[in-house]
Amino acid sequence: MSKAPKMKDMRERLDSIRREIEKLQAQESLLLDMMGEEPTKTTPKRAPKGSVKVRVLEMLESEGRSGLNAAKAVELSGAEGDALDRGSVSSLLSRLKQDDVVVYDGSNYRLKKYAGMPSVTPLRTSGDRQF
């Protein structure tokens, strides 16, 4: 006979652990309230599966002809309170390129509709001294 735990046993154990976590969180909250302290902020939750693609496509649209790369996407989403995994974003951008949704110029990805447009470059001022 197999000694591996059965699915029912594992679910019961998981439910027991979750109940214990809830109790501990309630105790923590009570103690913090009694001490007049605010709970520490937790790290933002990762975006649900499927919403990463939607979020990245929204960012690609908003960045327009400037485009973005995985690091910039993670930075932008983090500034808005969404935690995206850089590896997931990078993989998604590669798939979007393979699916011919975006183009890659060696540094940034852009939606195809912005591919023929030049990227935005900063204006030079008289302080630059090189024209």
N, C-alpha and C. Protein backbone atom coordinates (compact mmCIF):
# COMPACT_ATOMS: atom_id res chain seq x y z
N MET A 1 0.83 -1.18 0.00
CA MET A 1 0.00 0.00 0.00
C MET A 1 0.88 1.25 0.00
N SER A 2 0.38 2.27 -0.63
CA SER A 2 1.10 3.53 -0.73
C SER A 2 0.94 4.33 0.56
N LYS A 3 2.03 4.95 0.97
CA LYS A 3 1.98 5.77 2.17
C LYS A 3 1.79 7.24 1.83
N ALA A 4 1.60 7.57 0.56
CA ALA A 4 1.40 8.96 0.14
C ALA A 4 0.09 9.48 0.71
N PRO A 5 0.08 10.74 1.13
CA PRO A 5 -1.16 11.30 1.68
C PRO A 5 -2.23 11.39 0.59
N LYS A 6 -3.43 11.16 0.99
CA LYS A 6 -4.54 11.24 0.05
C LYS A 6 -4.96 12.70 -0.11
N MET A 7 -5.58 12.98 -1.25
CA MET A 7 -6.00 14.35 -1.56
C MET A 7 -6.90 14.90 -0.46
N LYS A 8 -7.82 14.10 0.04
CA LYS A 8 -8.74 14.56 1.08
C LYS A 8 -7.96 14.96 2.34
N ASP A 9 -6.97 14.14 2.71
CA ASP A 9 -6.16 14.44 3.89
C ASP A 9 -5.39 15.74 3.70
N MET A 10 -4.84 15.95 2.50
CA MET A 10 -4.08 17.17 2.23
C MET A 10 -4.98 18.39 2.27
N ARG A 11 -6.20 18.28 1.73
CA ARG A 11 -7.14 19.41 1.78
C ARG A 11 -7.54 19.74 3.21
N GLU A 12 -7.77 18.73 4.01
CA GLU A 12 -8.12 18.95 5.41
C GLU A 12 -6.97 19.63 6.14
N ARG A 13 -5.75 19.21 5.87
CA ARG A 13 -4.58 19.83 6.50
C ARG A 13 -4.44 21.29 6.06
N LEU A 14 -4.65 21.55 4.77
CA LEU A 14 -4.58 22.91 4.25
C LEU A 14 -5.64 23.79 4.90
N ASP A 15 -6.85 23.29 5.01
CA ASP A 15 -7.92 24.05 5.67
C ASP A 15 -7.57 24.35 7.12
N SER A 16 -6.99 23.39 7.81
CA SER A 16 -6.58 23.58 9.20
C SER A 16 -5.51 24.67 9.31
N ILE A 17 -4.55 24.66 8.41
CA ILE A 17 -3.49 25.67 8.40
C ILE A 17 -4.08 27.05 8.12
N ARG A 18 -4.99 27.13 7.17
CA ARG A 18 -5.61 28.42 6.86
C ARG A 18 -6.40 28.97 8.04
N ARG A 19 -7.11 28.11 8.76
CA ARG A 19 -7.84 28.56 9.95
C ARG A 19 -6.87 29.08 11.01
N GLU A 20 -5.75 28.39 11.17
CA GLU A 20 -4.73 28.82 12.14
C GLU A 20 -4.15 30.17 11.74
N ILE A 21 -3.90 30.37 10.47
CA ILE A 21 -3.39 31.65 9.97
C ILE A 21 -4.38 32.77 10.27
N GLU A 22 -5.66 32.53 10.02
CA GLU A 22 -6.69 33.53 10.31
C GLU A 22 -6.71 33.89 11.78
N LYS A 23 -6.58 32.89 12.66
CA LYS A 23 -6.55 33.15 14.10
C LYS A 23 -5.35 34.02 14.46
N LEU A 24 -4.19 33.67 13.92
CA LEU A 24 -2.98 34.43 14.22
C LEU A 24 -3.07 35.86 13.70
N GLN A 25 -3.66 36.04 12.54
CA GLN A 25 -3.82 37.39 11.99
C GLN A 25 -4.76 38.21 12.86
N ALA A 26 -5.82 37.58 13.37
CA ALA A 26 -6.75 38.29 14.24
C ALA A 26 -6.05 38.68 15.55
N GLN A 27 -5.23 37.79 16.09
CA GLN A 27 -4.49 38.10 17.30
C GLN A 27 -3.49 39.24 17.06
N GLU A 28 -2.81 39.19 15.91
CA GLU A 28 -1.87 40.25 15.57
C GLU A 28 -2.58 41.59 15.47
N SER A 29 -3.72 41.59 14.79
CA SER A 29 -4.48 42.83 14.62
C SER A 29 -4.91 43.39 15.97
N LEU A 30 -5.39 42.55 16.86
CA LEU A 30 -5.82 42.98 18.19
C LEU A 30 -4.66 43.57 18.97
N LEU A 31 -3.51 42.88 18.95
CA LEU A 31 -2.35 43.39 19.69
C LEU A 31 -1.86 44.72 19.12
N LEU A 32 -1.81 44.84 17.82
CA LEU A 32 -1.39 46.09 17.20
C LEU A 32 -2.34 47.22 17.56
N ASP A 33 -3.63 46.92 17.56
CA ASP A 33 -4.64 47.93 17.92
C ASP A 33 -4.46 48.36 19.37
N MET A 34 -4.21 47.43 20.26
CA MET A 34 -4.02 47.73 21.67
C MET A 34 -2.76 48.57 21.89
N MET A 35 -1.74 48.35 21.04
CA MET A 35 -0.49 49.10 21.16
C MET A 35 -0.54 50.41 20.38
N GLY A 36 -1.63 50.63 19.65
CA GLY A 36 -1.77 51.86 18.88
C GLY A 36 -0.89 51.91 17.64
N GLU A 37 -0.54 50.76 17.11
CA GLU A 37 0.32 50.69 15.93
C GLU A 37 -0.49 50.25 14.72
N GLU A 38 0.02 50.65 13.57
CA GLU A 38 -0.58 50.24 12.30
C GLU A 38 0.05 48.93 11.84
N PRO A 39 -0.71 48.07 11.21
CA PRO A 39 -0.10 46.84 10.68
C PRO A 39 0.92 47.18 9.61
N THR A 40 1.95 46.37 9.51
CA THR A 40 2.96 46.59 8.48
C THR A 40 2.37 46.24 7.13
N LYS A 41 2.80 46.98 6.13
CA LYS A 41 2.28 46.73 4.79
C LYS A 41 2.90 45.46 4.24
N THR A 42 2.07 44.69 3.60
CA THR A 42 2.55 43.46 2.98
C THR A 42 2.95 43.77 1.54
N THR A 43 3.70 42.89 0.96
CA THR A 43 4.09 43.07 -0.43
C THR A 43 2.85 42.93 -1.29
N PRO A 44 2.77 43.69 -2.38
CA PRO A 44 1.59 43.61 -3.22
C PRO A 44 1.43 42.21 -3.81
N LYS A 45 0.19 41.81 -3.96
CA LYS A 45 -0.09 40.50 -4.54
C LYS A 45 0.21 40.53 -6.03
N ARG A 46 0.62 39.40 -6.53
CA ARG A 46 0.87 39.29 -7.95
C ARG A 46 -0.45 39.35 -8.69
N ALA A 47 -0.38 39.83 -9.89
CA ALA A 47 -1.58 39.94 -10.71
C ALA A 47 -2.10 38.55 -11.04
N PRO A 48 -3.42 38.39 -11.10
CA PRO A 48 -3.98 37.10 -11.47
C PRO A 48 -3.56 36.71 -12.88
N LYS A 49 -3.44 35.39 -13.09
CA LYS A 49 -3.05 34.89 -14.40
C LYS A 49 -4.04 35.41 -15.45
N GLY A 50 -3.53 35.82 -16.58
CA GLY A 50 -4.38 36.35 -17.64
C GLY A 50 -4.43 37.86 -17.62
N SER A 51 -4.39 38.42 -16.41
CA SER A 51 -4.45 39.88 -16.33
C SER A 51 -3.10 40.50 -16.67
N VAL A 52 -2.02 39.70 -16.60
CA VAL A 52 -0.69 40.21 -16.96
C VAL A 52 -0.70 40.63 -18.42
N LYS A 53 -1.26 39.80 -19.27
CA LYS A 53 -1.30 40.12 -20.70
C LYS A 53 -2.11 41.39 -20.94
N VAL A 54 -3.25 41.49 -20.31
CA VAL A 54 -4.09 42.67 -20.46
C VAL A 54 -3.34 43.91 -19.98
N ARG A 55 -2.69 43.81 -18.82
CA ARG A 55 -1.96 44.93 -18.25
C ARG A 55 -0.81 45.36 -19.15
N VAL A 56 -0.05 44.40 -19.67
CA VAL A 56 1.08 44.73 -20.54
C VAL A 56 0.59 45.35 -21.84
N LEU A 57 -0.49 44.85 -22.40
CA LEU A 57 -1.04 45.45 -23.62
C LEU A 57 -1.51 46.88 -23.37
N GLU A 58 -2.10 47.11 -22.20
CA GLU A 58 -2.52 48.48 -21.85
C GLU A 58 -1.31 49.40 -21.76
N MET A 59 -0.24 48.90 -21.14
CA MET A 59 0.96 49.73 -21.01
C MET A 59 1.60 49.99 -22.37
N LEU A 60 1.60 48.97 -23.24
CA LEU A 60 2.15 49.17 -24.59
C LEU A 60 1.36 50.25 -25.32
N GLU A 61 0.06 50.23 -25.15
CA GLU A 61 -0.79 51.25 -25.79
C GLU A 61 -0.49 52.63 -25.22
N SER A 62 -0.39 52.72 -23.91
CA SER A 62 -0.16 54.04 -23.31
C SER A 62 1.24 54.57 -23.61
N GLU A 63 2.22 53.69 -23.76
CA GLU A 63 3.57 54.14 -24.08
C GLU A 63 3.71 54.49 -25.57
N GLY A 64 2.79 54.00 -26.38
CA GLY A 64 2.77 54.37 -27.80
C GLY A 64 4.07 54.07 -28.51
N ARG A 65 4.57 55.05 -29.24
CA ARG A 65 5.76 54.83 -30.05
C ARG A 65 7.04 54.76 -29.23
N SER A 66 7.01 55.15 -27.97
CA SER A 66 8.19 55.00 -27.11
C SER A 66 8.44 53.53 -26.80
N GLY A 67 7.37 52.77 -26.65
CA GLY A 67 7.49 51.35 -26.35
C GLY A 67 7.99 51.11 -24.94
N LEU A 68 8.22 49.84 -24.63
CA LEU A 68 8.73 49.48 -23.32
C LEU A 68 9.40 48.13 -23.38
N ASN A 69 10.15 47.83 -22.35
CA ASN A 69 10.74 46.51 -22.19
C ASN A 69 10.23 45.92 -20.88
N ALA A 70 10.67 44.72 -20.54
CA ALA A 70 10.15 44.05 -19.35
C ALA A 70 10.44 44.85 -18.08
N ALA A 71 11.65 45.37 -17.97
CA ALA A 71 12.02 46.12 -16.76
C ALA A 71 11.14 47.36 -16.60
N LYS A 72 10.91 48.07 -17.69
CA LYS A 72 10.09 49.27 -17.62
C LYS A 72 8.64 48.91 -17.29
N ALA A 73 8.15 47.81 -17.84
CA ALA A 73 6.77 47.38 -17.56
C ALA A 73 6.61 47.06 -16.07
N VAL A 74 7.58 46.37 -15.50
CA VAL A 74 7.52 46.02 -14.07
C VAL A 74 7.57 47.30 -13.23
N GLU A 75 8.44 48.23 -13.63
CA GLU A 75 8.56 49.50 -12.90
C GLU A 75 7.26 50.30 -12.96
N LEU A 76 6.69 50.43 -14.15
CA LEU A 76 5.45 51.18 -14.31
C LEU A 76 4.30 50.55 -13.52
N SER A 77 4.18 49.24 -13.61
CA SER A 77 3.08 48.58 -12.91
C SER A 77 3.28 48.65 -11.40
N GLY A 78 4.52 48.56 -10.94
CA GLY A 78 4.80 48.68 -9.51
C GLY A 78 4.43 50.04 -8.98
N ALA A 79 4.66 51.08 -9.79
CA ALA A 79 4.32 52.44 -9.38
C ALA A 79 2.81 52.61 -9.24
N GLU A 80 2.06 51.77 -9.93
CA GLU A 80 0.60 51.83 -9.86
C GLU A 80 0.03 50.80 -8.89
N GLY A 81 0.90 50.10 -8.16
CA GLY A 81 0.44 49.16 -7.15
C GLY A 81 0.25 47.74 -7.63
N ASP A 82 0.58 47.45 -8.87
CA ASP A 82 0.49 46.09 -9.39
C ASP A 82 1.88 45.47 -9.39
N ALA A 83 1.99 44.27 -8.90
CA ALA A 83 3.27 43.58 -8.91
C ALA A 83 3.29 42.59 -10.07
N LEU A 84 4.11 42.87 -11.05
CA LEU A 84 4.28 41.95 -12.16
C LEU A 84 5.65 41.30 -12.05
N ASP A 85 5.72 40.04 -12.38
CA ASP A 85 6.98 39.31 -12.37
C ASP A 85 7.73 39.60 -13.66
N ARG A 86 8.99 40.01 -13.54
CA ARG A 86 9.76 40.40 -14.73
C ARG A 86 9.90 39.25 -15.72
N GLY A 87 10.12 38.07 -15.22
CA GLY A 87 10.24 36.90 -16.11
C GLY A 87 8.97 36.66 -16.89
N SER A 88 7.83 36.80 -16.23
CA SER A 88 6.55 36.61 -16.90
C SER A 88 6.33 37.66 -17.97
N VAL A 89 6.68 38.90 -17.66
CA VAL A 89 6.50 39.99 -18.62
C VAL A 89 7.43 39.78 -19.81
N SER A 90 8.67 39.41 -19.53
CA SER A 90 9.64 39.18 -20.60
C SER A 90 9.17 38.06 -21.53
N SER A 91 8.70 36.98 -20.94
CA SER A 91 8.20 35.84 -21.72
C SER A 91 6.98 36.25 -22.54
N LEU A 92 6.09 37.03 -21.93
CA LEU A 92 4.89 37.49 -22.62
C LEU A 92 5.26 38.37 -23.81
N LEU A 93 6.20 39.30 -23.61
CA LEU A 93 6.61 40.18 -24.71
C LEU A 93 7.21 39.36 -25.86
N SER A 94 7.98 38.34 -25.54
CA SER A 94 8.54 37.48 -26.58
C SER A 94 7.44 36.75 -27.35
N ARG A 95 6.45 36.26 -26.62
CA ARG A 95 5.33 35.57 -27.29
C ARG A 95 4.54 36.53 -28.16
N LEU A 96 4.32 37.75 -27.66
CA LEU A 96 3.60 38.75 -28.46
C LEU A 96 4.37 39.07 -29.75
N LYS A 97 5.69 39.06 -29.66
CA LYS A 97 6.51 39.29 -30.86
C LYS A 97 6.35 38.12 -31.83
N GLN A 98 6.41 36.91 -31.30
CA GLN A 98 6.23 35.72 -32.15
C GLN A 98 4.85 35.70 -32.79
N ASP A 99 3.86 36.19 -32.07
CA ASP A 99 2.49 36.22 -32.59
C ASP A 99 2.25 37.43 -33.48
N ASP A 100 3.30 38.22 -33.72
CA ASP A 100 3.25 39.37 -34.62
C ASP A 100 2.31 40.47 -34.11
N VAL A 101 2.22 40.59 -32.78
CA VAL A 101 1.41 41.64 -32.17
C VAL A 101 2.27 42.87 -31.91
N VAL A 102 3.54 42.63 -31.55
CA VAL A 102 4.48 43.72 -31.27
C VAL A 102 5.73 43.54 -32.12
N VAL A 103 6.50 44.61 -32.21
CA VAL A 103 7.81 44.56 -32.86
C VAL A 103 8.86 44.93 -31.82
N TYR A 104 10.05 44.42 -32.03
CA TYR A 104 11.15 44.66 -31.09
C TYR A 104 12.29 45.33 -31.84
N ASP A 105 12.80 46.43 -31.30
CA ASP A 105 13.86 47.17 -31.98
C ASP A 105 15.24 46.94 -31.38
N GLY A 106 15.35 45.97 -30.49
CA GLY A 106 16.61 45.70 -29.83
C GLY A 106 16.64 46.22 -28.41
N SER A 107 15.75 47.15 -28.09
CA SER A 107 15.68 47.65 -26.71
C SER A 107 14.25 47.76 -26.20
N ASN A 108 13.30 48.06 -27.07
CA ASN A 108 11.91 48.23 -26.66
C ASN A 108 10.96 47.48 -27.59
N TYR A 109 9.83 47.09 -27.00
CA TYR A 109 8.74 46.50 -27.76
C TYR A 109 7.68 47.57 -27.99
N ARG A 110 7.07 47.54 -29.16
CA ARG A 110 6.00 48.47 -29.51
C ARG A 110 4.87 47.68 -30.18
N LEU A 111 3.65 48.16 -30.00
CA LEU A 111 2.55 47.59 -30.78
C LEU A 111 2.83 47.83 -32.25
N LYS A 112 2.39 46.93 -33.08
CA LYS A 112 2.69 47.04 -34.52
C LYS A 112 2.24 48.37 -35.11
N LYS A 113 1.15 48.91 -34.63
CA LYS A 113 0.66 50.16 -35.21
C LYS A 113 1.62 51.32 -34.97
N TYR A 114 2.52 51.18 -33.99
CA TYR A 114 3.50 52.23 -33.72
C TYR A 114 4.88 51.90 -34.30
N ALA A 115 4.99 50.78 -34.99
CA ALA A 115 6.29 50.30 -35.46
C ALA A 115 6.92 51.22 -36.50
N GLY A 116 6.14 51.80 -37.39
CA GLY A 116 6.70 52.64 -38.43
C GLY A 116 7.02 54.04 -37.98
N MET A 117 6.61 54.38 -36.77
CA MET A 117 6.83 55.73 -36.26
C MET A 117 8.17 55.78 -35.53
N PRO A 118 8.88 56.88 -35.66
CA PRO A 118 10.14 56.99 -34.91
C PRO A 118 9.85 57.15 -33.43
N SER A 119 10.78 56.66 -32.63
CA SER A 119 10.59 56.81 -31.18
C SER A 119 10.82 58.26 -30.78
N VAL A 120 10.32 58.60 -29.62
CA VAL A 120 10.43 59.97 -29.14
C VAL A 120 11.85 60.19 -28.62
N THR A 121 12.48 61.26 -29.07
CA THR A 121 13.81 61.59 -28.58
C THR A 121 13.73 62.93 -27.86
N PRO A 122 14.53 63.13 -26.83
CA PRO A 122 14.46 64.39 -26.11
C PRO A 122 14.94 65.55 -26.97
N LEU A 123 14.36 66.71 -26.74
CA LEU A 123 14.75 67.91 -27.46
C LEU A 123 16.10 68.40 -26.94
N ARG A 124 16.88 68.92 -27.84
CA ARG A 124 18.17 69.49 -27.43
C ARG A 124 17.97 70.95 -27.07
N THR A 125 18.73 71.38 -26.13
CA THR A 125 18.67 72.78 -25.72
C THR A 125 20.03 73.42 -25.95
N SER A 126 20.07 74.71 -25.80
CA SER A 126 21.34 75.42 -26.03
C SER A 126 22.39 75.00 -25.02
N GLY A 127 21.97 74.44 -23.90
CA GLY A 127 22.92 73.97 -22.89
C GLY A 127 23.63 72.70 -23.31
N ASP A 128 23.12 72.00 -24.34
CA ASP A 128 23.73 70.77 -24.78
C ASP A 128 25.04 71.02 -25.53
N ARG A 129 25.16 72.15 -26.15
CA ARG A 129 26.35 72.59 -26.86
C ARG A 129 26.67 71.77 -28.11
N GLN A 130 26.04 70.67 -28.33
CA GLN A 130 26.29 69.89 -29.53
C GLN A 130 25.01 69.79 -30.33
N PHE A 131 25.03 70.34 -31.53
CA PHE A 131 23.83 70.31 -32.38
C PHE A 131 24.13 69.53 -33.62
